[in-house]
């Protein structure tokens, strides 16, 4: 799924008020963290992830792996916080996040 700039702008607006729900610590990625990310994405569709590593390249790799493993789209990354989006088509249509088309 490739989001347009208009869609990303809309999602950034929704994500502005969110607090990070998943925190990646110095230990890095684990199976339990990835499982928690999956269940949280299913529940919320849009979430913030805080990556607590000092190295910028390591943060970029972790965020890229989180997106790849969960099939989520990176909406925005500022510092050590990334905003991820993945639609949940199993949710009732009225409970899903509705993003503007194209």
PDB file of N, CA and C in Angstrom:
ATOM      1  N   UNK A   1       0.838  -1.170   0.000  1.00  0.00           N
ATOM      2  CA  UNK A   1       0.000   0.000   0.000  1.00  0.00           C
ATOM      3  C   UNK A   1       0.889   1.242   0.000  1.00  0.00           C
ATOM      4  N   UNK A   2       0.689   2.089  -0.958  1.00  0.00           N
ATOM      5  CA  UNK A   2       1.423   3.342  -1.021  1.00  0.00           C
ATOM      6  C   UNK A   2       0.466   4.481  -0.745  1.00  0.00           C
ATOM      7  N   UNK A   3       0.758   5.253   0.277  1.00  0.00           N
ATOM      8  CA  UNK A   3      -0.071   6.383   0.640  1.00  0.00           C
ATOM      9  C   UNK A   3       0.384   7.623  -0.121  1.00  0.00           C
ATOM     10  N   UNK A   4      -0.577   8.426  -0.532  1.00  0.00           N
ATOM     11  CA  UNK A   4      -0.254   9.689  -1.175  1.00  0.00           C
ATOM     12  C   UNK A   4       0.097  10.709  -0.088  1.00  0.00           C
ATOM     13  N   UNK A   5       0.651  11.830  -0.503  1.00  0.00           N
ATOM     14  CA  UNK A   5       0.992  12.882   0.462  1.00  0.00           C
ATOM     15  C   UNK A   5      -0.258  13.416   1.154  1.00  0.00           C
ATOM     16  N   UNK A   6      -1.339  13.493   0.428  1.00  0.00           N
ATOM     17  CA  UNK A   6      -2.607  13.965   1.022  1.00  0.00           C
ATOM     18  C   UNK A   6      -3.064  13.009   2.114  1.00  0.00           C
ATOM     19  N   UNK A   7      -2.981  11.713   1.856  1.00  0.00           N
ATOM     20  CA  UNK A   7      -3.374  10.717   2.843  1.00  0.00           C
ATOM     21  C   UNK A   7      -2.443  10.749   4.056  1.00  0.00           C
ATOM     22  N   UNK A   8      -1.140  10.892   3.813  1.00  0.00           N
ATOM     23  CA  UNK A   8      -0.188  10.975   4.918  1.00  0.00           C
ATOM     24  C   UNK A   8      -0.456  12.208   5.775  1.00  0.00           C
ATOM     25  N   UNK A   9      -0.772  13.311   5.146  1.00  0.00           N
ATOM     26  CA  UNK A   9      -1.074  14.534   5.889  1.00  0.00           C
ATOM     27  C   UNK A   9      -2.291  14.320   6.782  1.00  0.00           C
ATOM     28  N   UNK A  10      -3.310  13.666   6.259  1.00  0.00           N
ATOM     29  CA  UNK A  10      -4.508  13.374   7.045  1.00  0.00           C
ATOM     30  C   UNK A  10      -4.167  12.478   8.240  1.00  0.00           C
ATOM     31  N   UNK A  11      -3.384  11.431   7.992  1.00  0.00           N
ATOM     32  CA  UNK A  11      -3.006  10.508   9.064  1.00  0.00           C
ATOM     33  C   UNK A  11      -2.102  11.184  10.094  1.00  0.00           C
ATOM     34  N   UNK A  12      -1.220  12.072   9.661  1.00  0.00           N
ATOM     35  CA  UNK A  12      -0.389  12.829  10.609  1.00  0.00           C
ATOM     36  C   UNK A  12      -1.261  13.659  11.535  1.00  0.00           C
ATOM     37  N   UNK A  13      -2.322  14.228  10.988  1.00  0.00           N
ATOM     38  CA  UNK A  13      -3.256  14.999  11.807  1.00  0.00           C
ATOM     39  C   UNK A  13      -3.927  14.134  12.856  1.00  0.00           C
ATOM     40  N   UNK A  14      -4.321  12.925  12.477  1.00  0.00           N
ATOM     41  CA  UNK A  14      -4.924  11.997  13.437  1.00  0.00           C
ATOM     42  C   UNK A  14      -3.902  11.522  14.463  1.00  0.00           C
ATOM     43  N   UNK A  15      -2.667  11.326  14.021  1.00  0.00           N
ATOM     44  CA  UNK A  15      -1.636  10.789  14.898  1.00  0.00           C
ATOM     45  C   UNK A  15      -1.043  11.808  15.846  1.00  0.00           C
ATOM     46  N   UNK A  16      -1.309  13.072  15.605  1.00  0.00           N
ATOM     47  CA  UNK A  16      -0.710  14.128  16.432  1.00  0.00           C
ATOM     48  C   UNK A  16      -1.049  13.961  17.915  1.00  0.00           C
ATOM     49  N   UNK A  17      -2.255  13.547  18.214  1.00  0.00           N
ATOM     50  CA  UNK A  17      -2.701  13.445  19.608  1.00  0.00           C
ATOM     51  C   UNK A  17      -2.366  12.105  20.252  1.00  0.00           C
ATOM     52  N   UNK A  18      -1.838  11.165  19.471  1.00  0.00           N
ATOM     53  CA  UNK A  18      -1.564   9.828  19.997  1.00  0.00           C
ATOM     54  C   UNK A  18      -0.291   9.787  20.830  1.00  0.00           C
ATOM     55  N   UNK A  19      -0.267   8.897  21.785  1.00  0.00           N
ATOM     56  CA  UNK A  19       0.926   8.601  22.576  1.00  0.00           C
ATOM     57  C   UNK A  19       1.532   7.310  22.026  1.00  0.00           C
ATOM     58  N   UNK A  20       2.846   7.120  22.151  1.00  0.00           N
ATOM     59  CA  UNK A  20       3.450   5.859  21.687  1.00  0.00           C
ATOM     60  C   UNK A  20       2.888   4.657  22.458  1.00  0.00           C
ATOM     61  N   UNK A  21       2.421   3.654  21.738  1.00  0.00           N
ATOM     62  CA  UNK A  21       1.854   2.457  22.353  1.00  0.00           C
ATOM     63  C   UNK A  21       2.847   1.305  22.397  1.00  0.00           C
ATOM     64  N   UNK A  22       3.843   1.347  21.527  1.00  0.00           N
ATOM     65  CA  UNK A  22       4.864   0.306  21.483  1.00  0.00           C
ATOM     66  C   UNK A  22       6.220   0.989  21.643  1.00  0.00           C
ATOM     67  N   UNK A  23       7.048   0.442  22.526  1.00  0.00           N
ATOM     68  CA  UNK A  23       8.371   1.001  22.771  1.00  0.00           C
ATOM     69  C   UNK A  23       9.421  -0.071  22.518  1.00  0.00           C
ATOM     70  N   UNK A  24      10.356   0.222  21.628  1.00  0.00           N
ATOM     71  CA  UNK A  24      11.475  -0.671  21.348  1.00  0.00           C
ATOM     72  C   UNK A  24      12.648  -0.168  22.174  1.00  0.00           C
ATOM     73  N   UNK A  25      13.127  -0.993  23.078  1.00  0.00           N
ATOM     74  CA  UNK A  25      14.218  -0.592  23.958  1.00  0.00           C
ATOM     75  C   UNK A  25      15.580  -0.965  23.405  1.00  0.00           C
ATOM     76  N   UNK A  26      16.574  -0.905  24.282  1.00  0.00           N
ATOM     77  CA  UNK A  26      17.945  -1.229  23.890  1.00  0.00           C
ATOM     78  C   UNK A  26      18.113  -2.680  23.464  1.00  0.00           C
ATOM     79  N   UNK A  27      17.220  -3.560  23.938  1.00  0.00           N
ATOM     80  CA  UNK A  27      17.306  -4.976  23.585  1.00  0.00           C
ATOM     81  C   UNK A  27      16.943  -5.216  22.120  1.00  0.00           C
ATOM     82  N   UNK A  28      16.295  -4.234  21.491  1.00  0.00           N
ATOM     83  CA  UNK A  28      15.946  -4.379  20.077  1.00  0.00           C
ATOM     84  C   UNK A  28      14.644  -5.109  19.874  1.00  0.00           C
ATOM     85  N   UNK A  29      14.512  -5.721  18.710  1.00  0.00           N
ATOM     86  CA  UNK A  29      13.281  -6.410  18.348  1.00  0.00           C
ATOM     87  C   UNK A  29      13.281  -7.834  18.871  1.00  0.00           C
ATOM     88  N   UNK A  30      12.147  -8.254  19.372  1.00  0.00           N
ATOM     89  CA  UNK A  30      11.983  -9.633  19.820  1.00  0.00           C
ATOM     90  C   UNK A  30      10.665 -10.153  19.250  1.00  0.00           C
ATOM     91  N   UNK A  31      10.469 -11.461  19.349  1.00  0.00           N
ATOM     92  CA  UNK A  31       9.231 -12.054  18.851  1.00  0.00           C
ATOM     93  C   UNK A  31       8.020 -11.519  19.599  1.00  0.00           C
ATOM     94  N   UNK A  32       8.161 -11.335  20.903  1.00  0.00           N
ATOM     95  CA  UNK A  32       7.030 -10.833  21.686  1.00  0.00           C
ATOM     96  C   UNK A  32       6.713  -9.379  21.322  1.00  0.00           C
ATOM     97  N   UNK A  33       7.727  -8.573  21.038  1.00  0.00           N
ATOM     98  CA  UNK A  33       7.482  -7.195  20.632  1.00  0.00           C
ATOM     99  C   UNK A  33       6.778  -7.155  19.279  1.00  0.00           C
ATOM    100  N   UNK A  34       7.205  -7.998  18.345  1.00  0.00           N
ATOM    101  CA  UNK A  34       6.551  -8.039  17.036  1.00  0.00           C
ATOM    102  C   UNK A  34       5.110  -8.518  17.142  1.00  0.00           C
ATOM    103  N   UNK A  35       4.856  -9.483  18.043  1.00  0.00           N
ATOM    104  CA  UNK A  35       3.490  -9.956  18.267  1.00  0.00           C
ATOM    105  C   UNK A  35       2.621  -8.845  18.861  1.00  0.00           C
ATOM    106  N   UNK A  36       3.192  -8.085  19.787  1.00  0.00           N
ATOM    107  CA  UNK A  36       2.469  -6.961  20.380  1.00  0.00           C
ATOM    108  C   UNK A  36       2.175  -5.888  19.335  1.00  0.00           C
ATOM    109  N   UNK A  37       3.119  -5.634  18.452  1.00  0.00           N
ATOM    110  CA  UNK A  37       2.913  -4.671  17.372  1.00  0.00           C
ATOM    111  C   UNK A  37       1.763  -5.121  16.471  1.00  0.00           C
ATOM    112  N   UNK A  38       1.737  -6.399  16.128  1.00  0.00           N
ATOM    113  CA  UNK A  38       0.668  -6.940  15.285  1.00  0.00           C
ATOM    114  C   UNK A  38      -0.702  -6.728  15.924  1.00  0.00           C
ATOM    115  N   UNK A  39      -0.831  -7.114  17.190  1.00  0.00           N
ATOM    116  CA  UNK A  39      -2.133  -6.993  17.847  1.00  0.00           C
ATOM    117  C   UNK A  39      -2.537  -5.528  18.027  1.00  0.00           C
ATOM    118  N   UNK A  40      -1.573  -4.658  18.291  1.00  0.00           N
ATOM    119  CA  UNK A  40      -1.883  -3.242  18.457  1.00  0.00           C
ATOM    120  C   UNK A  40      -2.286  -2.611  17.125  1.00  0.00           C
ATOM    121  N   UNK A  41      -1.621  -2.983  16.044  1.00  0.00           N
ATOM    122  CA  UNK A  41      -2.017  -2.489  14.720  1.00  0.00           C
ATOM    123  C   UNK A  41      -3.407  -2.980  14.346  1.00  0.00           C
ATOM    124  N   UNK A  42      -3.724  -4.230  14.665  1.00  0.00           N
ATOM    125  CA  UNK A  42      -5.067  -4.751  14.382  1.00  0.00           C
ATOM    126  C   UNK A  42      -6.123  -3.953  15.126  1.00  0.00           C
ATOM    127  N   UNK A  43      -5.822  -3.600  16.349  1.00  0.00           N
ATOM    128  CA  UNK A  43      -6.784  -2.894  17.186  1.00  0.00           C
ATOM    129  C   UNK A  43      -6.914  -1.420  16.795  1.00  0.00           C
ATOM    130  N   UNK A  44      -5.790  -0.741  16.545  1.00  0.00           N
ATOM    131  CA  UNK A  44      -5.818   0.709  16.378  1.00  0.00           C
ATOM    132  C   UNK A  44      -5.617   1.193  14.948  1.00  0.00           C
ATOM    133  N   UNK A  45      -4.994   0.430  14.088  1.00  0.00           N
ATOM    134  CA  UNK A  45      -4.671   0.774  12.703  1.00  0.00           C
ATOM    135  C   UNK A  45      -3.597   1.866  12.588  1.00  0.00           C
ATOM    136  N   UNK A  46      -3.624   2.873  13.425  1.00  0.00           N
ATOM    137  CA  UNK A  46      -2.660   3.967  13.398  1.00  0.00           C
ATOM    138  C   UNK A  46      -2.029   4.057  14.779  1.00  0.00           C
ATOM    139  N   UNK A  47      -0.702   3.967  14.841  1.00  0.00           N
ATOM    140  CA  UNK A  47      -0.063   4.007  16.147  1.00  0.00           C
ATOM    141  C   UNK A  47       1.331   4.583  16.058  1.00  0.00           C
ATOM    142  N   UNK A  48       1.771   5.074  17.216  1.00  0.00           N
ATOM    143  CA  UNK A  48       3.131   5.589  17.333  1.00  0.00           C
ATOM    144  C   UNK A  48       3.997   4.532  18.001  1.00  0.00           C
ATOM    145  N   UNK A  49       5.225   4.433  17.502  1.00  0.00           N
ATOM    146  CA  UNK A  49       6.209   3.513  18.053  1.00  0.00           C
ATOM    147  C   UNK A  49       7.428   4.347  18.444  1.00  0.00           C
ATOM    148  N   UNK A  50       7.886   4.165  19.674  1.00  0.00           N
ATOM    149  CA  UNK A  50       9.101   4.854  20.136  1.00  0.00           C
ATOM    150  C   UNK A  50      10.256   3.861  20.070  1.00  0.00           C
ATOM    151  N   UNK A  51      11.332   4.267  19.413  1.00  0.00           N
ATOM    152  CA  UNK A  51      12.521   3.422  19.285  1.00  0.00           C
ATOM    153  C   UNK A  51      13.631   4.079  20.088  1.00  0.00           C
ATOM    154  N   UNK A  52      14.001   3.446  21.194  1.00  0.00           N
ATOM    155  CA  UNK A  52      14.995   4.021  22.109  1.00  0.00           C
ATOM    156  C   UNK A  52      16.382   3.448  21.834  1.00  0.00           C
ATOM    157  N   UNK A  53      16.993   3.902  20.781  1.00  0.00           N
ATOM    158  CA  UNK A  53      18.383   3.582  20.505  1.00  0.00           C
ATOM    159  C   UNK A  53      19.094   4.885  20.164  1.00  0.00           C
ATOM    160  N   UNK A  54      20.348   4.969  20.517  1.00  0.00           N
ATOM    161  CA  UNK A  54      21.086   6.207  20.315  1.00  0.00           C
ATOM    162  C   UNK A  54      21.510   6.448  18.882  1.00  0.00           C
ATOM    163  N   UNK A  55      21.662   5.393  18.116  1.00  0.00           N
ATOM    164  CA  UNK A  55      22.199   5.487  16.768  1.00  0.00           C
ATOM    165  C   UNK A  55      21.074   5.699  15.748  1.00  0.00           C
ATOM    166  N   UNK A  56      21.189   6.739  14.933  1.00  0.00           N
ATOM    167  CA  UNK A  56      20.162   7.056  13.942  1.00  0.00           C
ATOM    168  C   UNK A  56      20.006   5.935  12.910  1.00  0.00           C
ATOM    169  N   UNK A  57      21.120   5.370  12.458  1.00  0.00           N
ATOM    170  CA  UNK A  57      21.045   4.285  11.470  1.00  0.00           C
ATOM    171  C   UNK A  57      20.339   3.062  12.053  1.00  0.00           C
ATOM    172  N   UNK A  58      20.609   2.758  13.310  1.00  0.00           N
ATOM    173  CA  UNK A  58      19.938   1.632  13.960  1.00  0.00           C
ATOM    174  C   UNK A  58      18.442   1.894  14.067  1.00  0.00           C
ATOM    175  N   UNK A  59      18.064   3.130  14.397  1.00  0.00           N
ATOM    176  CA  UNK A  59      16.633   3.475  14.458  1.00  0.00           C
ATOM    177  C   UNK A  59      15.986   3.298  13.102  1.00  0.00           C
ATOM    178  N   UNK A  60      16.651   3.760  12.053  1.00  0.00           N
ATOM    179  CA  UNK A  60      16.100   3.625  10.702  1.00  0.00           C
ATOM    180  C   UNK A  60      15.911   2.160  10.327  1.00  0.00           C
ATOM    181  N   UNK A  61      16.890   1.322  10.667  1.00  0.00           N
ATOM    182  CA  UNK A  61      16.777  -0.113  10.361  1.00  0.00           C
ATOM    183  C   UNK A  61      15.637  -0.764  11.132  1.00  0.00           C
ATOM    184  N   UNK A  62      15.498  -0.398  12.401  1.00  0.00           N
ATOM    185  CA  UNK A  62      14.429  -0.978  13.223  1.00  0.00           C
ATOM    186  C   UNK A  62      13.055  -0.565  12.691  1.00  0.00           C
ATOM    187  N   UNK A  63      12.891   0.704  12.359  1.00  0.00           N
ATOM    188  CA  UNK A  63      11.607   1.175  11.833  1.00  0.00           C
ATOM    189  C   UNK A  63      11.303   0.505  10.499  1.00  0.00           C
ATOM    190  N   UNK A  64      12.304   0.375   9.646  1.00  0.00           N
ATOM    191  CA  UNK A  64      12.106  -0.294   8.355  1.00  0.00           C
ATOM    192  C   UNK A  64      11.704  -1.750   8.553  1.00  0.00           C
ATOM    193  N   UNK A  65      12.333  -2.424   9.513  1.00  0.00           N
ATOM    194  CA  UNK A  65      11.988  -3.824   9.769  1.00  0.00           C
ATOM    195  C   UNK A  65      10.584  -3.948  10.360  1.00  0.00           C
ATOM    196  N   UNK A  66      10.217  -3.036  11.253  1.00  0.00           N
ATOM    197  CA  UNK A  66       8.863  -3.054  11.802  1.00  0.00           C
ATOM    198  C   UNK A  66       7.822  -2.915  10.697  1.00  0.00           C
ATOM    199  N   UNK A  67       8.076  -2.001   9.774  1.00  0.00           N
ATOM    200  CA  UNK A  67       7.152  -1.801   8.656  1.00  0.00           C
ATOM    201  C   UNK A  67       7.097  -3.031   7.759  1.00  0.00           C
ATOM    202  N   UNK A  68       8.247  -3.599   7.461  1.00  0.00           N
ATOM    203  CA  UNK A  68       8.292  -4.764   6.577  1.00  0.00           C
ATOM    204  C   UNK A  68       7.635  -5.980   7.224  1.00  0.00           C
ATOM    205  N   UNK A  69       7.935  -6.237   8.496  1.00  0.00           N
ATOM    206  CA  UNK A  69       7.392  -7.419   9.172  1.00  0.00           C
ATOM    207  C   UNK A  69       5.896  -7.325   9.410  1.00  0.00           C
ATOM    208  N   UNK A  70       5.384  -6.118   9.580  1.00  0.00           N
ATOM    209  CA  UNK A  70       3.960  -5.962   9.895  1.00  0.00           C
ATOM    210  C   UNK A  70       3.135  -5.501   8.693  1.00  0.00           C
ATOM    211  N   UNK A  71       3.767  -5.285   7.559  1.00  0.00           N
ATOM    212  CA  UNK A  71       3.100  -4.762   6.358  1.00  0.00           C
ATOM    213  C   UNK A  71       2.437  -3.423   6.623  1.00  0.00           C
ATOM    214  N   UNK A  72       3.051  -2.633   7.493  1.00  0.00           N
ATOM    215  CA  UNK A  72       2.533  -1.306   7.811  1.00  0.00           C
ATOM    216  C   UNK A  72       3.242  -0.266   6.959  1.00  0.00           C
ATOM    217  N   UNK A  73       2.604   0.858   6.833  1.00  0.00           N
ATOM    218  CA  UNK A  73       3.160   1.976   6.067  1.00  0.00           C
ATOM    219  C   UNK A  73       3.699   3.022   7.040  1.00  0.00           C
ATOM    220  N   UNK A  74       4.905   3.476   6.795  1.00  0.00           N
ATOM    221  CA  UNK A  74       5.475   4.545   7.605  1.00  0.00           C
ATOM    222  C   UNK A  74       4.862   5.859   7.143  1.00  0.00           C
ATOM    223  N   UNK A  75       4.164   6.512   8.054  1.00  0.00           N
ATOM    224  CA  UNK A  75       3.533   7.793   7.739  1.00  0.00           C
ATOM    225  C   UNK A  75       4.506   8.926   8.013  1.00  0.00           C
ATOM    226  N   UNK A  76       5.200   8.840   9.152  1.00  0.00           N
ATOM    227  CA  UNK A  76       6.102   9.908   9.546  1.00  0.00           C
ATOM    228  C   UNK A  76       7.071   9.380  10.590  1.00  0.00           C
ATOM    229  N   UNK A  77       8.276   9.932  10.596  1.00  0.00           N
ATOM    230  CA  UNK A  77       9.229   9.630  11.664  1.00  0.00           C
ATOM    231  C   UNK A  77       9.885  10.927  12.080  1.00  0.00           C
ATOM    232  N   UNK A  78       9.758  11.231  13.348  1.00  0.00           N
ATOM    233  CA  UNK A  78      10.391  12.419  13.913  1.00  0.00           C
ATOM    234  C   UNK A  78      11.210  11.951  15.102  1.00  0.00           C
ATOM    235  N   UNK A  79      12.518  12.114  15.005  1.00  0.00           N
ATOM    236  CA  UNK A  79      13.396  11.683  16.085  1.00  0.00           C
ATOM    237  C   UNK A  79      13.287  10.189  16.317  1.00  0.00           C
ATOM    238  N   UNK A  80      12.907   9.808  17.527  1.00  0.00           N
ATOM    239  CA  UNK A  80      12.809   8.382  17.835  1.00  0.00           C
ATOM    240  C   UNK A  80      11.372   7.881  17.862  1.00  0.00           C
ATOM    241  N   UNK A  81      10.455   8.634  17.263  1.00  0.00           N
ATOM    242  CA  UNK A  81       9.050   8.230  17.217  1.00  0.00           C
ATOM    243  C   UNK A  81       8.616   8.080  15.761  1.00  0.00           C
ATOM    244  N   UNK A  82       8.025   6.915  15.467  1.00  0.00           N
ATOM    245  CA  UNK A  82       7.523   6.649  14.117  1.00  0.00           C
ATOM    246  C   UNK A  82       6.010   6.470  14.183  1.00  0.00           C
ATOM    247  N   UNK A  83       5.323   6.970  13.180  1.00  0.00           N
ATOM    248  CA  UNK A  83       3.880   6.814  13.066  1.00  0.00           C
ATOM    249  C   UNK A  83       3.612   5.791  11.973  1.00  0.00           C
ATOM    250  N   UNK A  84       2.960   4.678  12.339  1.00  0.00           N
ATOM    251  CA  UNK A  84       2.701   3.581  11.413  1.00  0.00           C
ATOM    252  C   UNK A  84       1.206   3.430  11.173  1.00  0.00           C
ATOM    253  N   UNK A  85       0.851   3.030   9.948  1.00  0.00           N
ATOM    254  CA  UNK A  85      -0.558   2.817   9.586  1.00  0.00           C
ATOM    255  C   UNK A  85      -0.687   1.508   8.829  1.00  0.00           C
ATOM    256  N   UNK A  86      -1.674   0.724   9.229  1.00  0.00           N
ATOM    257  CA  UNK A  86      -2.053  -0.473   8.484  1.00  0.00           C
ATOM    258  C   UNK A  86      -3.552  -0.655   8.640  1.00  0.00           C
ATOM    259  N   UNK A  87      -4.303  -0.610   7.531  1.00  0.00           N
ATOM    260  CA  UNK A  87      -5.752  -0.775   7.651  1.00  0.00           C
ATOM    261  C   UNK A  87      -6.101  -2.201   8.074  1.00  0.00           C
ATOM    262  N   UNK A  88      -7.149  -2.318   8.861  1.00  0.00           N
ATOM    263  CA  UNK A  88      -7.643  -3.624   9.289  1.00  0.00           C
ATOM    264  C   UNK A  88      -8.972  -3.858   8.590  1.00  0.00           C
ATOM    265  N   UNK A  89      -8.952  -4.659   7.540  1.00  0.00           N
ATOM    266  CA  UNK A  89     -10.149  -4.896   6.748  1.00  0.00           C
ATOM    267  C   UNK A  89     -11.137  -5.823   7.448  1.00  0.00           C
ATOM    268  N   UNK A  90     -10.730  -6.428   8.555  1.00  0.00           N
ATOM    269  CA  UNK A  90     -11.632  -7.301   9.311  1.00  0.00           C
ATOM    270  C   UNK A  90     -12.543  -6.509  10.245  1.00  0.00           C
ATOM    271  N   UNK A  91     -12.176  -5.262  10.520  1.00  0.00           N
ATOM    272  CA  UNK A  91     -13.005  -4.421  11.371  1.00  0.00           C
ATOM    273  C   UNK A  91     -14.257  -3.993  10.609  1.00  0.00           C
ATOM    274  N   UNK A  92     -15.295  -3.687  11.344  1.00  0.00           N
ATOM    275  CA  UNK A  92     -16.511  -3.164  10.716  1.00  0.00           C
ATOM    276  C   UNK A  92     -16.168  -1.841  10.032  1.00  0.00           C
ATOM    277  N   UNK A  93     -16.770  -1.580   8.882  1.00  0.00           N
ATOM    278  CA  UNK A  93     -16.424  -0.355   8.136  1.00  0.00           C
ATOM    279  C   UNK A  93     -16.574   0.930   8.953  1.00  0.00           C
ATOM    280  N   UNK A  94     -17.557   0.994   9.827  1.00  0.00           N
ATOM    281  CA  UNK A  94     -17.748   2.220  10.603  1.00  0.00           C
ATOM    282  C   UNK A  94     -16.703   2.390  11.700  1.00  0.00           C
ATOM    283  N   UNK A  95     -15.952   1.342  12.019  1.00  0.00           N
ATOM    284  CA  UNK A  95     -14.910   1.408  13.051  1.00  0.00           C
ATOM    285  C   UNK A  95     -13.517   1.647  12.467  1.00  0.00           C
ATOM    286  N   UNK A  96     -13.373   1.531  11.135  1.00  0.00           N
ATOM    287  CA  UNK A  96     -12.077   1.727  10.494  1.00  0.00           C
ATOM    288  C   UNK A  96     -11.743   3.202  10.341  1.00  0.00           C
ATOM    289  N   UNK A  97     -10.472   3.480  10.201  1.00  0.00           N
ATOM    290  CA  UNK A  97     -10.029   4.838   9.875  1.00  0.00           C
ATOM    291  C   UNK A  97     -10.308   5.052   8.394  1.00  0.00           C
ATOM    292  N   UNK A  98     -11.005   6.121   8.089  1.00  0.00           N
ATOM    293  CA  UNK A  98     -11.311   6.433   6.692  1.00  0.00           C
ATOM    294  C   UNK A  98     -10.332   7.504   6.216  1.00  0.00           C
ATOM    295  N   UNK A  99      -9.505   7.118   5.273  1.00  0.00           N
ATOM    296  CA  UNK A  99      -8.555   8.083   4.742  1.00  0.00           C
ATOM    297  C   UNK A  99      -9.082   8.607   3.411  1.00  0.00           C
ATOM    298  N   UNK A 100      -8.771   9.852   3.062  1.00  0.00           N
ATOM    299  CA  UNK A 100      -9.243  10.407   1.792  1.00  0.00           C
ATOM    300  C   UNK A 100      -8.632   9.654   0.610  1.00  0.00           C
ATOM    301  N   UNK A 101      -9.375   9.574  -0.460  1.00  0.00           N
ATOM    302  CA  UNK A 101      -8.847   8.879  -1.641  1.00  0.00           C
ATOM    303  C   UNK A 101      -7.844   9.768  -2.353  1.00  0.00           C
ATOM    304  N   UNK A 102      -6.866   9.073  -2.986  1.00  0.00           N
ATOM    305  CA  UNK A 102      -5.829   9.682  -3.789  1.00  0.00           C
ATOM    306  C   UNK A 102      -5.517  11.049  -3.441  1.00  0.00           C
TER     307      UNK A 102
END
